[in-house]
C-alpha atoms as a PDB file:
ATOM      1  CA  UNK A   1      53.036 101.012  39.553  1.00  0.00           C
ATOM      2  CA  UNK A   2      52.968  98.037  41.873  1.00  0.00           C
ATOM      3  CA  UNK A   3      51.503  95.036  40.074  1.00  0.00           C
ATOM      4  CA  UNK A   4      53.344  91.983  41.432  1.00  0.00           C
ATOM      5  CA  UNK A   5      54.052  88.402  40.187  1.00  0.00           C
ATOM      6  CA  UNK A   6      51.819  88.384  37.106  1.00  0.00           C
ATOM      7  CA  UNK A   7      49.678  85.526  35.843  1.00  0.00           C
ATOM      8  CA  UNK A   8      48.065  86.226  32.451  1.00  0.00           C
ATOM      9  CA  UNK A   9      44.685  84.586  32.017  1.00  0.00           C
ATOM     10  CA  UNK A  10      44.034  85.239  28.344  1.00  0.00           C
ATOM     11  CA  UNK A  11      45.619  88.233  26.608  1.00  0.00           C
ATOM     12  CA  UNK A  12      47.830  89.524  29.356  1.00  0.00           C
ATOM     13  CA  UNK A  13      45.553  92.420  30.244  1.00  0.00           C
ATOM     14  CA  UNK A  14      43.723  90.686  33.110  1.00  0.00           C
ATOM     15  CA  UNK A  15      46.335  90.349  35.826  1.00  0.00           C
ATOM     16  CA  UNK A  16      46.274  88.214  38.925  1.00  0.00           C
ATOM     17  CA  UNK A  17      48.859  88.530  41.633  1.00  0.00           C
ATOM     18  CA  UNK A  18      49.742  85.792  44.051  1.00  0.00           C
ATOM     19  CA  UNK A  19      50.119  88.560  46.621  1.00  0.00           C
ATOM     20  CA  UNK A  20      46.537  89.786  46.152  1.00  0.00           C
ATOM     21  CA  UNK A  21      43.892  87.697  47.916  1.00  0.00           C
ATOM     22  CA  UNK A  22      40.870  86.840  45.758  1.00  0.00           C
ATOM     23  CA  UNK A  23      38.056  85.794  48.118  1.00  0.00           C
ATOM     24  CA  UNK A  24      36.564  82.368  47.485  1.00  0.00           C
ATOM     25  CA  UNK A  25      33.056  83.850  47.435  1.00  0.00           C
ATOM     26  CA  UNK A  26      33.659  84.974  43.825  1.00  0.00           C
ATOM     27  CA  UNK A  27      33.753  83.130  40.535  1.00  0.00           C
ATOM     28  CA  UNK A  28      36.535  84.696  38.467  1.00  0.00           C
ATOM     29  CA  UNK A  29      34.822  85.052  35.087  1.00  0.00           C
ATOM     30  CA  UNK A  30      37.251  85.260  32.145  1.00  0.00           C
ATOM     31  CA  UNK A  31      34.407  85.950  29.691  1.00  0.00           C
ATOM     32  CA  UNK A  32      33.317  88.983  31.705  1.00  0.00           C
ATOM     33  CA  UNK A  33      36.937  90.113  31.874  1.00  0.00           C
ATOM     34  CA  UNK A  34      37.355  89.689  28.110  1.00  0.00           C
ATOM     35  CA  UNK A  35      34.225  91.747  27.437  1.00  0.00           C
ATOM     36  CA  UNK A  36      35.428  94.489  29.803  1.00  0.00           C
ATOM     37  CA  UNK A  37      38.829  94.464  28.156  1.00  0.00           C
ATOM     38  CA  UNK A  38      37.244  95.007  24.739  1.00  0.00           C
ATOM     39  CA  UNK A  39      35.413  98.061  26.104  1.00  0.00           C
ATOM     40  CA  UNK A  40      38.629  99.429  27.590  1.00  0.00           C
ATOM     41  CA  UNK A  41      40.551  98.929  24.334  1.00  0.00           C
ATOM     42  CA  UNK A  42      37.790 100.575  22.288  1.00  0.00           C
ATOM     43  CA  UNK A  43      37.799 103.605  24.599  1.00  0.00           C
ATOM     44  CA  UNK A  44      41.586 103.951  24.364  1.00  0.00           C
ATOM     45  CA  UNK A  45      42.143 103.182  28.046  1.00  0.00           C
ATOM     46  CA  UNK A  46      44.256 100.047  27.644  1.00  0.00           C
ATOM     47  CA  UNK A  47      47.667 101.690  27.448  1.00  0.00           C
ATOM     48  CA  UNK A  48      50.046 103.284  29.915  1.00  0.00           C
ATOM     49  CA  UNK A  49      49.586 106.899  30.925  1.00  0.00           C
ATOM     50  CA  UNK A  50      52.016 109.504  32.225  1.00  0.00           C
ATOM     51  CA  UNK A  51      51.367 109.871  35.960  1.00  0.00           C
ATOM     52  CA  UNK A  52      54.005 112.521  36.575  1.00  0.00           C
ATOM     53  CA  UNK A  53      56.399 111.660  39.384  1.00  0.00           C
ATOM     54  CA  UNK A  54      54.743 108.217  39.671  1.00  0.00           C
ATOM     55  CA  UNK A  55      55.931 107.342  36.171  1.00  0.00           C
ATOM     56  CA  UNK A  56      53.809 105.303  33.783  1.00  0.00           C
ATOM     57  CA  UNK A  57      50.530 104.013  35.175  1.00  0.00           C
ATOM     58  CA  UNK A  58      47.535 102.060  33.903  1.00  0.00           C
ATOM     59  CA  UNK A  59      43.869 101.472  34.639  1.00  0.00           C
ATOM     60  CA  UNK A  60      42.639  99.303  37.498  1.00  0.00           C
ATOM     61  CA  UNK A  61      39.085  98.078  36.864  1.00  0.00           C
ATOM     62  CA  UNK A  62      36.937  95.491  38.640  1.00  0.00           C
ATOM     63  CA  UNK A  63      33.291  94.519  38.204  1.00  0.00           C
ATOM     64  CA  UNK A  64      31.285  92.127  40.394  1.00  0.00           C
ATOM     65  CA  UNK A  65      27.927  90.835  39.130  1.00  0.00           C
ATOM     66  CA  UNK A  66      25.571  90.678  42.115  1.00  0.00           C
ATOM     67  CA  UNK A  67      22.696  88.913  40.321  1.00  0.00           C
ATOM     68  CA  UNK A  68      24.203  85.410  40.217  1.00  0.00           C
ATOM     69  CA  UNK A  69      24.101  82.928  43.140  1.00  0.00           C
ATOM     70  CA  UNK A  70      27.904  83.138  43.342  1.00  0.00           C
ATOM     71  CA  UNK A  71      29.031  86.658  42.381  1.00  0.00           C
ATOM     72  CA  UNK A  72      31.000  86.857  39.130  1.00  0.00           C
ATOM     73  CA  UNK A  73      34.240  88.863  39.267  1.00  0.00           C
ATOM     74  CA  UNK A  74      35.963  90.291  36.218  1.00  0.00           C
ATOM     75  CA  UNK A  75      38.192  93.177  35.360  1.00  0.00           C
ATOM     76  CA  UNK A  76      41.231  94.646  33.689  1.00  0.00           C
ATOM     77  CA  UNK A  77      44.400  94.963  35.802  1.00  0.00           C
ATOM     78  CA  UNK A  78      42.189  94.757  38.884  1.00  0.00           C
ATOM     79  CA  UNK A  79      45.189  93.988  41.091  1.00  0.00           C
ATOM     80  CA  UNK A  80      47.182  97.005  39.928  1.00  0.00           C
ATOM     81  CA  UNK A  81      47.888  99.248  42.919  1.00  0.00           C
ATOM     82  CA  UNK A  82      47.317 102.898  42.146  1.00  0.00           C
ATOM     83  CA  UNK A  83      46.944 106.219  43.970  1.00  0.00           C
ATOM     84  CA  UNK A  84      43.228 106.317  44.908  1.00  0.00           C
ATOM     85  CA  UNK A  85      42.833 110.052  45.643  1.00  0.00           C
ATOM     86  CA  UNK A  86      39.692 110.583  47.742  1.00  0.00           C
ATOM     87  CA  UNK A  87      38.293 107.084  47.195  1.00  0.00           C
ATOM     88  CA  UNK A  88      40.155 105.899  50.293  1.00  0.00           C
ATOM     89  CA  UNK A  89      37.990 108.157  52.428  1.00  0.00           C
ATOM     90  CA  UNK A  90      35.466 105.299  52.406  1.00  0.00           C
ATOM     91  CA  UNK A  91      38.038 103.131  54.204  1.00  0.00           C
ATOM     92  CA  UNK A  92      38.362 105.846  56.861  1.00  0.00           C
ATOM     93  CA  UNK A  93      34.575 106.034  57.230  1.00  0.00           C
ATOM     94  CA  UNK A  94      34.373 102.279  57.758  1.00  0.00           C
ATOM     95  CA  UNK A  95      36.637 102.349  60.809  1.00  0.00           C
ATOM     96  CA  UNK A  96      34.936 105.425  62.275  1.00  0.00           C
ATOM     97  CA  UNK A  97      31.567 103.655  61.975  1.00  0.00           C
ATOM     98  CA  UNK A  98      33.134 100.488  63.389  1.00  0.00           C
ATOM     99  CA  UNK A  99      34.198 102.367  66.523  1.00  0.00           C
ATOM    100  CA  UNK A 100      30.768 104.004  66.804  1.00  0.00           C
ATOM    101  CA  UNK A 101      29.129 100.570  66.593  1.00  0.00           C
ATOM    102  CA  UNK A 102      31.341  99.485  69.502  1.00  0.00           C
ATOM    103  CA  UNK A 103      30.048 102.374  71.616  1.00  0.00           C
ATOM    104  CA  UNK A 104      32.626 105.183  71.412  1.00  0.00           C
ATOM    105  CA  UNK A 105      32.369 107.763  69.918  1.00  0.00           C
ATOM    106  CA  UNK A 106      28.766 108.269  68.801  1.00  0.00           C
ATOM    107  CA  UNK A 107      27.358 109.916  65.700  1.00  0.00           C
ATOM    108  CA  UNK A 108      26.400 112.893  67.852  1.00  0.00           C
ATOM    109  CA  UNK A 109      29.771 113.212  69.616  1.00  0.00           C
ATOM    110  CA  UNK A 110      31.257 116.692  69.273  1.00  0.00           C
ATOM    111  CA  UNK A 111      34.615 117.195  67.558  1.00  0.00           C
ATOM    112  CA  UNK A 112      36.696 120.375  67.432  1.00  0.00           C
ATOM    113  CA  UNK A 113      38.406 120.831  64.052  1.00  0.00           C
ATOM    114  CA  UNK A 114      41.944 122.207  64.328  1.00  0.00           C
ATOM    115  CA  UNK A 115      44.834 123.321  62.119  1.00  0.00           C
ATOM    116  CA  UNK A 116      46.627 121.694  60.298  1.00  0.00           C
ATOM    117  CA  UNK A 117      43.775 119.253  59.661  1.00  0.00           C
ATOM    118  CA  UNK A 118      41.629 122.177  58.508  1.00  0.00           C
ATOM    119  CA  UNK A 119      43.182 122.888  55.127  1.00  0.00           C
ATOM    120  CA  UNK A 120      40.526 123.283  52.411  1.00  0.00           C
ATOM    121  CA  UNK A 121      40.347 126.671  50.726  1.00  0.00           C
ATOM    122  CA  UNK A 122      37.534 125.773  48.316  1.00  0.00           C
ATOM    123  CA  UNK A 123      34.584 123.390  48.435  1.00  0.00           C
ATOM    124  CA  UNK A 124      35.201 120.225  46.422  1.00  0.00           C
ATOM    125  CA  UNK A 125      31.595 120.414  45.158  1.00  0.00           C
ATOM    126  CA  UNK A 126      30.827 124.055  44.441  1.00  0.00           C
ATOM    127  CA  UNK A 127      27.057 123.552  44.470  1.00  0.00           C
ATOM    128  CA  UNK A 128      27.147 122.336  48.086  1.00  0.00           C
ATOM    129  CA  UNK A 129      26.192 125.288  50.339  1.00  0.00           C
ATOM    130  CA  UNK A 130      27.831 124.017  53.525  1.00  0.00           C
ATOM    131  CA  UNK A 131      30.684 126.302  54.569  1.00  0.00           C
ATOM    132  CA  UNK A 132      34.297 125.222  54.752  1.00  0.00           C
ATOM    133  CA  UNK A 133      35.441 123.966  58.128  1.00  0.00           C
ATOM    134  CA  UNK A 134      37.407 126.580  60.069  1.00  0.00           C
ATOM    135  CA  UNK A 135      39.998 126.163  62.812  1.00  0.00           C
ATOM    136  CA  UNK A 136      38.068 125.857  66.074  1.00  0.00           C
ATOM    137  CA  UNK A 137      34.723 124.797  64.577  1.00  0.00           C
ATOM    138  CA  UNK A 138      32.816 122.315  66.749  1.00  0.00           C
ATOM    139  CA  UNK A 139      30.774 119.812  64.753  1.00  0.00           C
ATOM    140  CA  UNK A 140      29.390 116.311  65.203  1.00  0.00           C
ATOM    141  CA  UNK A 141      31.116 113.158  64.004  1.00  0.00           C
ATOM    142  CA  UNK A 142      28.079 112.495  61.813  1.00  0.00           C
ATOM    143  CA  UNK A 143      28.552 115.890  60.124  1.00  0.00           C
ATOM    144  CA  UNK A 144      32.220 115.110  59.451  1.00  0.00           C
ATOM    145  CA  UNK A 145      31.305 111.719  57.954  1.00  0.00           C
ATOM    146  CA  UNK A 146      28.742 113.290  55.661  1.00  0.00           C
ATOM    147  CA  UNK A 147      31.128 116.047  54.555  1.00  0.00           C
ATOM    148  CA  UNK A 148      33.929 113.559  53.909  1.00  0.00           C
ATOM    149  CA  UNK A 149      31.861 111.179  51.771  1.00  0.00           C
ATOM    150  CA  UNK A 150      29.232 113.301  50.039  1.00  0.00           C
ATOM    151  CA  UNK A 151      31.398 116.385  49.354  1.00  0.00           C
ATOM    152  CA  UNK A 152      34.785 114.657  49.590  1.00  0.00           C
ATOM    153  CA  UNK A 153      35.885 117.262  52.122  1.00  0.00           C
ATOM    154  CA  UNK A 154      39.617 116.959  52.879  1.00  0.00           C
ATOM    155  CA  UNK A 155      39.511 118.788  56.207  1.00  0.00           C
ATOM    156  CA  UNK A 156      36.778 116.453  57.470  1.00  0.00           C
ATOM    157  CA  UNK A 157      38.832 113.465  56.300  1.00  0.00           C
ATOM    158  CA  UNK A 158      41.913 114.651  58.202  1.00  0.00           C
ATOM    159  CA  UNK A 159      39.872 115.065  61.378  1.00  0.00           C
ATOM    160  CA  UNK A 160      38.352 111.601  61.045  1.00  0.00           C
ATOM    161  CA  UNK A 161      41.727 109.982  60.313  1.00  0.00           C
ATOM    162  CA  UNK A 162      42.893 111.394  63.642  1.00  0.00           C
ATOM    163  CA  UNK A 163      39.717 110.258  65.373  1.00  0.00           C
ATOM    164  CA  UNK A 164      39.899 106.684  64.045  1.00  0.00           C
ATOM    165  CA  UNK A 165      43.735 106.498  64.036  1.00  0.00           C
ATOM    166  CA  UNK A 166      45.586 105.024  61.090  1.00  0.00           C
ATOM    167  CA  UNK A 167      46.721 101.898  62.931  1.00  0.00           C
ATOM    168  CA  UNK A 168      43.061 101.014  63.592  1.00  0.00           C
ATOM    169  CA  UNK A 169      41.986 101.705  60.011  1.00  0.00           C
ATOM    170  CA  UNK A 170      44.777  99.484  58.733  1.00  0.00           C
ATOM    171  CA  UNK A 171      44.013  96.701  61.191  1.00  0.00           C
ATOM    172  CA  UNK A 172      40.532  96.666  59.654  1.00  0.00           C
ATOM    173  CA  UNK A 173      42.061  96.512  56.154  1.00  0.00           C
ATOM    174  CA  UNK A 174      44.300  93.601  57.128  1.00  0.00           C
ATOM    175  CA  UNK A 175      41.448  91.611  58.685  1.00  0.00           C
ATOM    176  CA  UNK A 176      39.826  91.584  55.263  1.00  0.00           C
ATOM    177  CA  UNK A 177      43.065  90.730  53.400  1.00  0.00           C
ATOM    178  CA  UNK A 178      43.305  94.161  51.784  1.00  0.00           C
ATOM    179  CA  UNK A 179      47.056  94.271  52.237  1.00  0.00           C
ATOM    180  CA  UNK A 180      48.662  97.075  50.257  1.00  0.00           C
ATOM    181  CA  UNK A 181      45.615  99.330  50.637  1.00  0.00           C
ATOM    182  CA  UNK A 182      46.640 100.789  53.991  1.00  0.00           C
ATOM    183  CA  UNK A 183      45.722 104.406  54.753  1.00  0.00           C
ATOM    184  CA  UNK A 184      49.135 106.007  55.137  1.00  0.00           C
ATOM    185  CA  UNK A 185      48.555 109.719  54.536  1.00  0.00           C
ATOM    186  CA  UNK A 186      46.237 112.531  55.475  1.00  0.00           C
ATOM    187  CA  UNK A 187      45.077 115.028  52.865  1.00  0.00           C
ATOM    188  CA  UNK A 188      47.707 117.677  53.597  1.00  0.00           C
ATOM    189  CA  UNK A 189      51.323 118.571  52.937  1.00  0.00           C
ATOM    190  CA  UNK A 190      53.947 116.206  54.336  1.00  0.00           C
ATOM    191  CA  UNK A 191      55.410 119.059  56.391  1.00  0.00           C
ATOM    192  CA  UNK A 192      52.223 119.010  58.474  1.00  0.00           C
ATOM    193  CA  UNK A 193      52.067 115.233  58.876  1.00  0.00           C
ATOM    194  CA  UNK A 194      52.119 113.596  62.297  1.00  0.00           C
ATOM    195  CA  UNK A 195      55.485 112.358  63.631  1.00  0.00           C
ATOM    196  CA  UNK A 196      56.391 109.096  61.926  1.00  0.00           C
ATOM    197  CA  UNK A 197      54.309 109.814  58.831  1.00  0.00           C
ATOM    198  CA  UNK A 198      56.423 112.542  57.216  1.00  0.00           C
ATOM    199  CA  UNK A 199      58.241 110.152  54.876  1.00  0.00           C
ATOM    200  CA  UNK A 200      55.805 107.240  54.670  1.00  0.00           C
ATOM    201  CA  UNK A 201      54.800 105.975  51.221  1.00  0.00           C
ATOM    202  CA  UNK A 202      51.680 107.408  49.662  1.00  0.00           C
ATOM    203  CA  UNK A 203      48.360 105.610  50.012  1.00  0.00           C
ATOM    204  CA  UNK A 204      47.509 103.108  47.275  1.00  0.00           C
ATOM    205  CA  UNK A 205      44.712 100.679  46.555  1.00  0.00           C
ATOM    206  CA  UNK A 206      43.529  98.450  43.710  1.00  0.00           C
ATOM    207  CA  UNK A 207      40.160  97.911  42.052  1.00  0.00           C
ATOM    208  CA  UNK A 208      39.842  94.407  43.532  1.00  0.00           C
ATOM    209  CA  UNK A 209      40.110  95.704  47.097  1.00  0.00           C
ATOM    210  CA  UNK A 210      37.699  98.585  46.476  1.00  0.00           C
ATOM    211  CA  UNK A 211      35.201  96.268  44.789  1.00  0.00           C
ATOM    212  CA  UNK A 212      35.398  93.664  47.569  1.00  0.00           C
ATOM    213  CA  UNK A 213      34.894  96.451  50.126  1.00  0.00           C
ATOM    214  CA  UNK A 214      31.740  97.563  48.292  1.00  0.00           C
ATOM    215  CA  UNK A 215      30.477  93.995  47.936  1.00  0.00           C
ATOM    216  CA  UNK A 216      30.733  93.590  51.706  1.00  0.00           C
ATOM    217  CA  UNK A 217      28.749  96.807  52.169  1.00  0.00           C
ATOM    218  CA  UNK A 218      26.011  95.636  49.821  1.00  0.00           C
ATOM    219  CA  UNK A 219      25.710  92.268  51.572  1.00  0.00           C
ATOM    220  CA  UNK A 220      25.888  93.784  55.096  1.00  0.00           C
ATOM    221  CA  UNK A 221      29.172  91.982  55.758  1.00  0.00           C
ATOM    222  CA  UNK A 222      31.421  95.009  56.285  1.00  0.00           C
ATOM    223  CA  UNK A 223      32.071  94.616  60.032  1.00  0.00           C
ATOM    224  CA  UNK A 224      28.358  94.316  60.853  1.00  0.00           C
ATOM    225  CA  UNK A 225      24.996  95.178  59.231  1.00  0.00           C
ATOM    226  CA  UNK A 226      24.744  98.579  60.973  1.00  0.00           C
ATOM    227  CA  UNK A 227      28.148  99.733  59.703  1.00  0.00           C
ATOM    228  CA  UNK A 228      27.362  98.433  56.211  1.00  0.00           C
ATOM    229  CA  UNK A 229      23.994 100.169  56.013  1.00  0.00           C
ATOM    230  CA  UNK A 230      25.281 103.450  57.460  1.00  0.00           C
ATOM    231  CA  UNK A 231      28.097 103.561  54.926  1.00  0.00           C
ATOM    232  CA  UNK A 232      25.797 102.613  52.047  1.00  0.00           C
ATOM    233  CA  UNK A 233      23.470 105.469  53.045  1.00  0.00           C
ATOM    234  CA  UNK A 234      26.396 107.894  52.950  1.00  0.00           C
ATOM    235  CA  UNK A 235      27.515 106.628  49.529  1.00  0.00           C
ATOM    236  CA  UNK A 236      23.953 107.055  48.234  1.00  0.00           C
ATOM    237  CA  UNK A 237      24.193 110.803  48.932  1.00  0.00           C
ATOM    238  CA  UNK A 238      27.347 111.340  46.845  1.00  0.00           C
ATOM    239  CA  UNK A 239      27.192 114.804  45.260  1.00  0.00           C
ATOM    240  CA  UNK A 240      29.715 114.247  42.468  1.00  0.00           C
ATOM    241  CA  UNK A 241      27.750 112.967  39.457  1.00  0.00           C
ATOM    242  CA  UNK A 242      30.339 113.843  36.803  1.00  0.00           C
ATOM    243  CA  UNK A 243      31.974 110.439  36.294  1.00  0.00           C
ATOM    244  CA  UNK A 244      30.301 107.003  36.031  1.00  0.00           C
ATOM    245  CA  UNK A 245      26.996 108.405  37.274  1.00  0.00           C
ATOM    246  CA  UNK A 246      26.784 110.584  34.156  1.00  0.00           C
ATOM    247  CA  UNK A 247      26.428 107.509  31.930  1.00  0.00           C
ATOM    248  CA  UNK A 248      23.965 105.467  33.986  1.00  0.00           C
ATOM    249  CA  UNK A 249      20.243 105.399  33.071  1.00  0.00           C
ATOM    250  CA  UNK A 250      17.833 107.727  34.894  1.00  0.00           C
ATOM    251  CA  UNK A 251      16.444 106.403  38.176  1.00  0.00           C
ATOM    252  CA  UNK A 252      19.445 104.150  38.706  1.00  0.00           C
ATOM    253  CA  UNK A 253      20.721 104.085  42.273  1.00  0.00           C
ATOM    254  CA  UNK A 254      24.482 104.485  42.451  1.00  0.00           C
ATOM    255  CA  UNK A 255      26.075 104.209  45.889  1.00  0.00           C
ATOM    256  CA  UNK A 256      29.570 105.508  45.211  1.00  0.00           C
ATOM    257  CA  UNK A 257      32.720 107.407  46.122  1.00  0.00           C
ATOM    258  CA  UNK A 258      34.701 109.440  43.645  1.00  0.00           C
ATOM    259  CA  UNK A 259      38.236 110.789  43.734  1.00  0.00           C
ATOM    260  CA  UNK A 260      40.243 113.170  41.607  1.00  0.00           C
ATOM    261  CA  UNK A 261      43.605 114.881  41.786  1.00  0.00           C
ATOM    262  CA  UNK A 262      46.010 116.024  39.043  1.00  0.00           C
ATOM    263  CA  UNK A 263      46.215 113.065  36.629  1.00  0.00           C
ATOM    264  CA  UNK A 264      43.937 110.769  38.659  1.00  0.00           C
ATOM    265  CA  UNK A 265      40.170 110.417  38.143  1.00  0.00           C
ATOM    266  CA  UNK A 266      38.316 107.608  39.933  1.00  0.00           C
ATOM    267  CA  UNK A 267      34.829 106.309  40.690  1.00  0.00           C
ATOM    268  CA  UNK A 268      33.781 103.192  42.608  1.00  0.00           C
ATOM    269  CA  UNK A 269      30.302 102.095  43.607  1.00  0.00           C
ATOM    270  CA  UNK A 270      27.281  99.794  43.673  1.00  0.00           C
ATOM    271  CA  UNK A 271      24.844 100.072  40.746  1.00  0.00           C
ATOM    272  CA  UNK A 272      21.200  99.028  41.105  1.00  0.00           C
ATOM    273  CA  UNK A 273      18.506  99.794  38.502  1.00  0.00           C
ATOM    274  CA  UNK A 274      16.020  97.203  39.765  1.00  0.00           C
ATOM    275  CA  UNK A 275      17.174  94.687  37.170  1.00  0.00           C
ATOM    276  CA  UNK A 276      20.952  94.874  37.020  1.00  0.00           C
ATOM    277  CA  UNK A 277      22.991  94.957  40.215  1.00  0.00           C
ATOM    278  CA  UNK A 278      26.749  95.097  40.206  1.00  0.00           C
ATOM    279  CA  UNK A 279      29.812  96.643  41.787  1.00  0.00           C
ATOM    280  CA  UNK A 280      32.177  98.665  39.623  1.00  0.00           C
ATOM    281  CA  UNK A 281      35.528 100.064  40.730  1.00  0.00           C
ATOM    282  CA  UNK A 282      37.441 102.115  38.167  1.00  0.00           C
ATOM    283  CA  UNK A 283      40.743 103.890  38.790  1.00  0.00           C
ATOM    284  CA  UNK A 284      41.972 105.931  35.824  1.00  0.00           C
ATOM    285  CA  UNK A 285      45.418 107.585  35.648  1.00  0.00           C
ATOM    286  CA  UNK A 286      43.855 110.176  33.338  1.00  0.00           C
ATOM    287  CA  UNK A 287      43.323 113.885  34.144  1.00  0.00           C
ATOM    288  CA  UNK A 288      39.857 115.293  34.669  1.00  0.00           C
ATOM    289  CA  UNK A 289      38.623 116.683  31.343  1.00  0.00           C
ATOM    290  CA  UNK A 290      39.724 113.715  29.261  1.00  0.00           C
ATOM    291  CA  UNK A 291      38.581 111.226  31.915  1.00  0.00           C
ATOM    292  CA  UNK A 292      35.099 112.729  32.141  1.00  0.00           C
ATOM    293  CA  UNK A 293      34.688 112.380  28.393  1.00  0.00           C
ATOM    294  CA  UNK A 294      35.251 108.621  28.583  1.00  0.00           C
ATOM    295  CA  UNK A 295      33.629 107.877  31.951  1.00  0.00           C
ATOM    296  CA  UNK A 296      30.137 108.560  30.624  1.00  0.00           C
ATOM    297  CA  UNK A 297      30.645 106.159  27.717  1.00  0.00           C
ATOM    298  CA  UNK A 298      32.354 103.584  29.936  1.00  0.00           C
ATOM    299  CA  UNK A 299      29.350 103.566  32.283  1.00  0.00           C
ATOM    300  CA  UNK A 300      26.916 103.148  29.375  1.00  0.00           C
ATOM    301  CA  UNK A 301      28.815 100.219  27.898  1.00  0.00           C
ATOM    302  CA  UNK A 302      29.424  98.396  31.168  1.00  0.00           C
ATOM    303  CA  UNK A 303      25.767  98.829  32.138  1.00  0.00           C
ATOM    304  CA  UNK A 304      24.628  97.438  28.794  1.00  0.00           C
ATOM    305  CA  UNK A 305      27.003  94.498  29.287  1.00  0.00           C
ATOM    306  CA  UNK A 306      25.646  93.777  32.756  1.00  0.00           C
ATOM    307  CA  UNK A 307      22.039  93.809  31.458  1.00  0.00           C
ATOM    308  CA  UNK A 308      22.727  90.900  29.097  1.00  0.00           C
END
């Protein structure tokens, strides 16, 4: 757990770090944070959870109200850095789209998938009929982007990390002050990592960075409007509806990216029901079955709060 230099705003559960940049475009709303904290306490998510070899870990939650002239930001431990699982695939997609917007490659460029990047043995979303990538398959960059975001395909992510290159992805992260959220690893065993990455720290992020990323998408400020709109379209086609999406009202648009692995279950996205519009980024150090039980209720309660 990597929360740094803590400043308690009211009960000690909303944490600000001097090392985490809070953009001036937001109003930090302590009332919103207090209300979110009450929801988290009531759902039993306010404690520390056993994260295996990572020790004790806790939630990282951020919400940005998009309906006010100056967006309101609140959360619980929103600057707590945590393993994001597949959520960080959206950071990879951003840099790939950035390079496409600069002219090379293109969405229709052909890419040959190769071992060890090709490593999935089962589809992450079983209902998706698209076959697993195989060593030697030739596909378009657009196909890889869609697989990586909508199905959370690990092989596609590994290919696109190579295409974009980690140093370029992280330069993008640094330009937006998302220090600490660098993409350090592919989705494969360390023994297959590229030279120089075999012993690097695991990838982490925090809810504040994920929420700010999504806010920039929604306002067409992530690199440029084309990149923002392309990425929002991909997030709109997310196939995993088992987490926050399960608790949102029918006919609500949820542009989101999920992630899950072992004791980690995450969901981050932009909610729009025609009346309420907000960003929510939730990282839970809670394994799947238990997390899914609370995610539905969490979504219902946060949505009701944002309708007030």
